Amino acid sequence: PCIIAAVVGYAISGYFGVATTRYPLNFITSLNLITLFQVVVLGILCALLSILFCKTLHMTHALYSKYFKNPYLRICIGSFFVIILTLLLDSTDYLGAGMPIIENALSGHVFPFAFLLKIIFTALTLGAGFKGGEIVPSFFVGATFGAMIGPLLGLPAYFSASLGLIALFCGVTNCPMTSFILSTEIFGGGGIYFMLIIATSYMLSGYSGLYTKQIMMYSKFKPEFRNELTH
């Protein structure tokens, strides 16, 4: 079903002239042990951030439900929080999908700690009961985090932003194969780096995830049957 939906969606988009979103990497860092180590470290940090992202979303939803039993009241309270934060920051960068910010990050330009603000805005919005998706916000968080941390590790900001986007997506969804296919579709090259950071993020993100009904059939750390829900 997923493959059929993807192919049909791609065909319809192409028919109407909708271009595919791509950010090709025009220059990829040369392959060496130092770069591989830097990518692994970034993957570890993205794995930890993915846990923080998921836990924050789940905890915020639980707090809303505990203190505001009425769903309509939750929506109003959540709206109030988002409006106040937006006014305090005097910016709408953290509302909506945030594609312009993602594009800036993939160009190597990012506001420090933008990823934390996006986590807060996303948690306050989705936790209150609004529906808007959490995948694109994970792209935002991963790309901005990668663009900020990468240069500190010695990686080009645009390159670490692309790695961060994919690594965080993998960490919050527990879908390594999908993550690699996505990296190929969006960025085109750098396969070995993406495979490495995907493996690192997947292994170290544990059994947390965005979707609490997702079943982890096997252990990430040893060859044994698990069959447990993510949390």
Protein backbone atom coordinates (compact mmCIF):
# COMPACT_ATOMS: atom_id res chain seq x y z
CA PRO A 1 0.00 0.00 0.00
CA CYS A 2 2.78 2.47 0.85
CA ILE A 3 4.60 1.87 -2.44
CA ILE A 4 1.39 2.16 -4.47
CA ALA A 5 0.41 5.38 -2.66
CA ALA A 6 3.89 6.85 -3.21
CA VAL A 7 3.97 6.00 -6.92
CA VAL A 8 0.44 7.27 -7.55
CA GLY A 9 1.11 10.45 -5.56
CA TYR A 10 4.34 11.08 -7.46
CA ALA A 11 2.59 10.52 -10.81
CA ILE A 12 -0.27 12.88 -9.97
CA SER A 13 2.13 15.56 -8.70
CA GLY A 14 4.20 15.27 -11.86
CA TYR A 15 1.09 15.51 -14.02
CA PHE A 16 0.17 18.83 -12.41
CA GLY A 17 3.72 20.12 -12.62
CA VAL A 18 4.51 20.00 -8.91
CA ALA A 19 8.27 19.72 -8.53
CA THR A 20 9.84 17.19 -6.18
CA THR A 21 11.56 18.68 -3.13
CA ARG A 22 15.30 18.14 -3.55
CA TYR A 23 18.38 19.68 -1.97
CA PRO A 24 21.29 18.06 -3.80
CA LEU A 25 24.63 18.09 -1.99
CA ASN A 26 26.95 19.83 -4.42
CA PHE A 27 30.00 19.05 -2.32
CA ILE A 28 30.45 16.11 0.03
CA THR A 29 33.27 15.94 2.56
CA SER A 30 36.01 13.50 1.56
CA LEU A 31 35.84 10.05 3.13
CA ASN A 32 38.27 9.63 6.02
CA LEU A 33 38.30 8.31 9.59
CA ILE A 34 38.02 11.75 11.15
CA THR A 35 34.89 12.58 9.19
CA LEU A 36 33.37 9.19 10.00
CA PHE A 37 34.01 9.82 13.69
CA GLN A 38 32.43 13.28 13.45
CA VAL A 39 29.36 11.79 11.79
CA VAL A 40 29.04 9.14 14.51
CA VAL A 41 29.21 11.81 17.23
CA LEU A 42 26.54 13.82 15.44
CA GLY A 43 24.45 10.66 15.20
CA ILE A 44 24.75 10.07 18.95
CA LEU A 45 23.63 13.62 19.68
CA CYS A 46 20.72 13.32 17.24
CA ALA A 47 19.65 10.06 18.90
CA LEU A 48 19.55 11.79 22.28
CA LEU A 49 17.68 14.73 20.79
CA SER A 50 15.13 12.40 19.20
CA ILE A 51 14.42 10.93 22.64
CA LEU A 52 13.98 14.45 24.04
CA PHE A 53 11.66 15.38 21.17
CA CYS A 54 9.42 12.33 21.65
CA LYS A 55 9.36 12.54 25.44
CA THR A 56 8.51 16.25 25.32
CA LEU A 57 5.58 15.65 22.97
CA HIS A 58 4.20 12.77 25.04
CA MET A 59 4.73 14.54 28.37
CA THR A 60 3.09 17.76 27.17
CA HIS A 61 0.05 15.85 25.94
CA ALA A 62 -0.18 14.05 29.29
CA LEU A 63 0.03 17.33 31.24
CA TYR A 64 -2.64 18.97 29.09
CA SER A 65 -4.92 15.96 29.62
CA LYS A 66 -4.29 15.91 33.37
CA TYR A 67 -4.95 19.58 34.12
CA PHE A 68 -7.45 20.45 31.37
CA LYS A 69 -10.04 17.70 31.06
CA ASN A 70 -12.18 19.56 28.55
CA PRO A 71 -10.69 19.19 25.03
CA TYR A 72 -12.02 22.59 23.95
CA LEU A 73 -10.36 24.22 26.94
CA ARG A 74 -7.10 22.45 26.04
CA ILE A 75 -7.27 23.95 22.55
CA CYS A 76 -7.82 27.43 23.98
CA ILE A 77 -5.00 27.09 26.51
CA GLY A 78 -2.63 25.73 23.85
CA SER A 79 -3.54 28.59 21.52
CA PHE A 80 -2.86 31.08 24.30
CA PHE A 81 0.61 29.62 24.98
CA VAL A 82 1.55 29.64 21.30
CA ILE A 83 0.32 33.20 20.76
CA ILE A 84 2.17 34.51 23.83
CA LEU A 85 5.43 32.81 22.81
CA THR A 86 5.11 34.12 19.27
CA LEU A 87 4.62 37.67 20.54
CA LEU A 88 7.51 37.37 23.00
CA LEU A 89 9.86 36.13 20.28
CA ASP A 90 8.45 38.59 17.74
CA SER A 91 8.81 35.88 15.11
CA THR A 92 6.60 33.45 13.21
CA ASP A 93 9.54 31.23 12.25
CA TYR A 94 8.37 28.45 14.55
CA LEU A 95 4.78 28.32 13.33
CA GLY A 96 3.66 25.97 10.59
CA ALA A 97 5.96 23.62 8.71
CA GLY A 98 8.91 26.00 8.78
CA MET A 99 10.21 25.08 5.34
CA PRO A 100 12.05 28.43 4.86
CA ILE A 101 13.99 27.77 8.08
CA ILE A 102 14.80 24.23 6.95
CA GLU A 103 16.06 25.59 3.64
CA ASN A 104 18.20 28.16 5.47
CA ALA A 105 19.67 25.43 7.66
CA LEU A 106 20.47 23.30 4.61
CA SER A 107 22.27 26.35 3.23
CA GLY A 108 24.33 26.57 6.41
CA HIS A 109 22.45 29.41 8.11
CA VAL A 110 20.65 28.87 11.39
CA PHE A 111 19.66 30.69 14.58
CA PRO A 112 21.25 28.93 17.59
CA PHE A 113 18.77 26.86 19.61
CA ALA A 114 16.09 27.18 16.95
CA PHE A 115 15.64 23.43 17.34
CA LEU A 116 14.65 23.83 21.01
CA LEU A 117 12.10 26.51 20.21
CA LYS A 118 10.58 24.32 17.52
CA ILE A 119 10.29 21.42 19.96
CA ILE A 120 8.49 23.69 22.44
CA PHE A 121 6.11 25.11 19.84
CA THR A 122 5.36 21.66 18.41
CA ALA A 123 4.74 20.15 21.84
CA LEU A 124 2.44 22.99 22.93
CA THR A 125 0.48 22.77 19.68
CA LEU A 126 0.10 19.02 19.21
CA GLY A 127 -0.22 18.35 22.94
CA ALA A 128 -3.23 20.65 23.10
CA GLY A 129 -5.00 18.64 20.43
CA PHE A 130 -4.21 20.48 17.21
CA LYS A 131 -3.52 18.25 14.23
CA GLY A 132 -0.76 19.24 11.87
CA GLY A 133 1.79 16.47 11.80
CA GLU A 134 5.07 15.89 13.54
CA ILE A 135 7.28 14.67 10.69
CA VAL A 136 8.09 18.05 9.13
CA PRO A 137 8.77 19.53 12.58
CA SER A 138 11.24 16.68 13.08
CA PHE A 139 12.92 17.76 9.81
CA PHE A 140 13.09 21.30 11.19
CA VAL A 141 14.57 20.18 14.51
CA GLY A 142 17.10 17.84 12.89
CA ALA A 143 18.25 20.29 10.23
CA THR A 144 18.65 23.26 12.58
CA PHE A 145 20.35 21.15 15.24
CA GLY A 146 22.74 19.69 12.68
CA ALA A 147 23.56 23.10 11.25
CA MET A 148 24.34 24.41 14.73
CA ILE A 149 26.33 21.44 16.09
CA GLY A 150 28.09 20.36 12.89
CA PRO A 151 30.60 23.23 12.71
CA LEU A 152 31.51 22.62 16.37
CA LEU A 153 32.42 19.06 15.36
CA GLY A 154 34.32 20.21 12.28
CA LEU A 155 31.63 19.44 9.71
CA PRO A 156 30.29 21.96 7.15
CA ALA A 157 26.99 23.40 8.38
CA TYR A 158 25.02 22.56 5.24
CA PHE A 159 26.30 18.96 5.31
CA SER A 160 25.62 18.42 9.01
CA ALA A 161 22.15 19.95 8.56
CA SER A 162 21.29 17.30 5.96
CA LEU A 163 22.70 14.56 8.20
CA GLY A 164 20.81 15.92 11.21
CA LEU A 165 17.52 16.03 9.32
CA ILE A 166 17.76 12.36 8.37
CA ALA A 167 19.19 11.19 11.71
CA LEU A 168 16.46 12.82 13.77
CA PHE A 169 13.76 11.52 11.45
CA CYS A 170 15.14 8.02 11.92
CA GLY A 171 15.36 8.42 15.69
CA VAL A 172 11.75 9.53 16.13
CA THR A 173 10.21 7.07 13.65
CA ASN A 174 12.43 3.98 14.11
CA CYS A 175 12.42 3.50 10.34
CA PRO A 176 16.03 3.13 9.12
CA MET A 177 15.25 1.90 5.61
CA THR A 178 12.74 4.68 5.03
CA SER A 179 15.29 7.17 6.33
CA PHE A 180 17.94 6.02 3.87
CA ILE A 181 15.53 6.10 0.93
CA LEU A 182 14.48 9.60 2.01
CA SER A 183 18.11 10.74 2.16
CA THR A 184 18.70 9.46 -1.36
CA GLU A 185 15.55 11.13 -2.67
CA ILE A 186 16.19 14.53 -1.08
CA PHE A 187 19.98 14.83 -1.10
CA GLY A 188 21.09 12.45 -3.83
CA GLY A 189 24.59 11.60 -2.59
CA GLY A 190 26.62 10.90 0.51
CA GLY A 191 25.18 7.43 0.96
CA ILE A 192 27.83 6.05 3.30
CA TYR A 193 27.54 9.01 5.68
CA PHE A 194 23.77 8.76 5.76
CA MET A 195 23.91 5.01 6.36
CA LEU A 196 26.34 5.54 9.22
CA ILE A 197 24.35 8.26 10.96
CA ILE A 198 21.07 6.40 10.43
CA ALA A 199 22.51 3.27 12.04
CA THR A 200 23.88 5.29 14.96
CA SER A 201 20.66 7.19 15.57
CA TYR A 202 18.47 4.10 15.21
CA MET A 203 20.52 2.06 17.67
CA LEU A 204 20.93 4.74 20.32
CA SER A 205 17.46 6.30 20.22
CA GLY A 206 16.24 3.29 22.17
CA TYR A 207 12.58 2.36 22.08
CA SER A 208 11.13 5.84 22.22
CA GLY A 209 9.13 7.06 19.24
CA LEU A 210 6.49 9.46 18.04
CA TYR A 211 3.92 6.72 17.64
CA THR A 212 3.08 4.86 20.83
CA LYS A 213 1.22 2.16 18.89
CA GLN A 214 4.34 1.27 16.91
CA ILE A 215 5.50 -2.27 17.68
CA MET A 216 9.21 -3.02 17.92
CA MET A 217 9.36 -6.65 16.89
CA TYR A 218 13.05 -7.20 17.64
CA SER A 219 15.64 -5.83 20.03
CA LYS A 220 17.92 -3.13 18.65
CA PHE A 221 20.87 -4.42 20.61
CA LYS A 222 20.79 -8.21 20.45
CA PRO A 223 19.22 -10.93 18.28
CA GLU A 224 16.05 -11.57 20.24
CA PHE A 225 12.30 -11.23 19.75
CA ARG A 226 10.83 -8.24 21.61
CA ASN A 227 7.30 -7.42 20.36
CA GLU A 228 6.77 -4.32 22.52
CA LEU A 229 5.26 -0.91 21.90
CA THR A 230 7.41 2.20 21.66
CA HIS A 231 7.04 4.79 24.39
